Each structure stands twice: as C-alpha cells, then as structure tokens.
Amino acid sequence: MLTIAAVTQVIQFIIAPVMMVSTCGLLLNGIVQQYASVDERLRSMMRLCDMVIG
C-alpha cells in the first residue's frame, strides 16, 4: 500500500511536465504577440513613409 507521501510524489511527477509545457506555451504566445505588434508598427511606418516619399 502506498503512503500519502508516495501518492503525493507520484501526483507531482505527473503534473510537473504538464505545467512546464503549459507555461512554455504561454510564454511563447506572449513573445509571438509582442513580435506581431512590432511587425504591425513597422508595416504602418513603411506605409507612412511610402505616402510621404512617393
């Protein structure tokens, strides 16, 4: 029979990788959103430059 400590450790071993994958996904999503925002700003600046220059 498993002790409470052993059951707790097994649950931690099961949940830890799921939490790491979820955390990495959220972090990457934030980074992609930041790059998308910078990309949109650069595109709008280029459109503005095209209108002013020519």
C-alpha atoms as a PDB file:
ATOM      1  CA  MET A   1       0.000   0.000   0.000  1.00  0.00           C
ATOM      2  CA  LEU A   2       1.270   3.447  -0.916  1.00  0.00           C
ATOM      3  CA  THR A   3       1.765   6.061   1.725  1.00  0.00           C
ATOM      4  CA  ILE A   4       0.362   9.556   1.435  1.00  0.00           C
ATOM      5  CA  ALA A   5       3.848  10.907   0.732  1.00  0.00           C
ATOM      6  CA  ALA A   6       4.341   8.426  -2.125  1.00  0.00           C
ATOM      7  CA  VAL A   7       0.961   9.261  -3.669  1.00  0.00           C
ATOM      8  CA  THR A   8       1.731  12.977  -3.392  1.00  0.00           C
ATOM      9  CA  GLN A   9       5.082  12.493  -5.097  1.00  0.00           C
ATOM     10  CA  VAL A  10       3.518  10.479  -7.930  1.00  0.00           C
ATOM     11  CA  ILE A  11       0.937  13.223  -8.478  1.00  0.00           C
ATOM     12  CA  GLN A  12       3.708  15.822  -8.560  1.00  0.00           C
ATOM     13  CA  PHE A  13       5.629  13.778 -11.146  1.00  0.00           C
ATOM     14  CA  ILE A  14       2.511  13.593 -13.311  1.00  0.00           C
ATOM     15  CA  ILE A  15       1.540  17.271 -13.030  1.00  0.00           C
ATOM     16  CA  ALA A  16       5.015  18.858 -13.311  1.00  0.00           C
ATOM     17  CA  PRO A  17       5.557  18.153 -17.057  1.00  0.00           C
ATOM     18  CA  VAL A  18       2.040  19.349 -17.894  1.00  0.00           C
ATOM     19  CA  MET A  19       2.656  22.596 -16.045  1.00  0.00           C
ATOM     20  CA  MET A  20       6.017  23.079 -17.772  1.00  0.00           C
ATOM     21  CA  VAL A  21       4.524  22.564 -21.244  1.00  0.00           C
ATOM     22  CA  SER A  22       1.626  24.912 -20.477  1.00  0.00           C
ATOM     23  CA  THR A  23       3.975  27.551 -19.105  1.00  0.00           C
ATOM     24  CA  CYS A  24       6.243  27.330 -22.152  1.00  0.00           C
ATOM     25  CA  GLY A  25       3.236  27.627 -24.435  1.00  0.00           C
ATOM     26  CA  LEU A  26       2.007  30.738 -22.657  1.00  0.00           C
ATOM     27  CA  LEU A  27       5.476  32.284 -22.720  1.00  0.00           C
ATOM     28  CA  LEU A  28       5.899  31.614 -26.434  1.00  0.00           C
ATOM     29  CA  ASN A  29       2.439  33.002 -27.135  1.00  0.00           C
ATOM     30  CA  GLY A  30       3.385  36.233 -25.355  1.00  0.00           C
ATOM     31  CA  ILE A  31       6.620  36.509 -27.320  1.00  0.00           C
ATOM     32  CA  VAL A  32       4.827  35.914 -30.632  1.00  0.00           C
ATOM     33  CA  GLN A  33       2.222  38.559 -29.764  1.00  0.00           C
ATOM     34  CA  GLN A  34       4.991  41.042 -28.964  1.00  0.00           C
ATOM     35  CA  TYR A  35       6.716  40.375 -32.296  1.00  0.00           C
ATOM     36  CA  ALA A  36       3.392  40.686 -34.120  1.00  0.00           C
ATOM     37  CA  SER A  37       2.862  44.085 -32.523  1.00  0.00           C
ATOM     38  CA  VAL A  38       6.336  45.259 -33.545  1.00  0.00           C
ATOM     39  CA  ASP A  39       5.760  43.909 -37.060  1.00  0.00           C
ATOM     40  CA  GLU A  40       2.484  45.810 -37.382  1.00  0.00           C
ATOM     41  CA  ARG A  41       4.144  49.042 -36.216  1.00  0.00           C
ATOM     42  CA  LEU A  42       6.943  48.625 -38.747  1.00  0.00           C
ATOM     43  CA  ARG A  43       4.462  47.962 -41.553  1.00  0.00           C
ATOM     44  CA  SER A  44       2.459  51.071 -40.658  1.00  0.00           C
ATOM     45  CA  MET A  45       5.651  53.150 -40.569  1.00  0.00           C
ATOM     46  CA  MET A  46       6.631  51.838 -44.010  1.00  0.00           C
ATOM     47  CA  ARG A  47       3.168  52.702 -45.394  1.00  0.00           C
ATOM     48  CA  LEU A  48       3.517  56.197 -43.953  1.00  0.00           C
ATOM     49  CA  CYS A  49       6.994  56.590 -45.459  1.00  0.00           C
ATOM     50  CA  ASP A  50       5.696  55.422 -48.847  1.00  0.00           C
ATOM     51  CA  MET A  51       2.910  58.004 -48.718  1.00  0.00           C
ATOM     52  CA  VAL A  52       5.262  60.822 -47.735  1.00  0.00           C
ATOM     53  CA  ILE A  53       8.084  59.949 -50.132  1.00  0.00           C
ATOM     54  CA  GLY A  54       6.247  58.933 -53.119  1.00  0.00           C
END
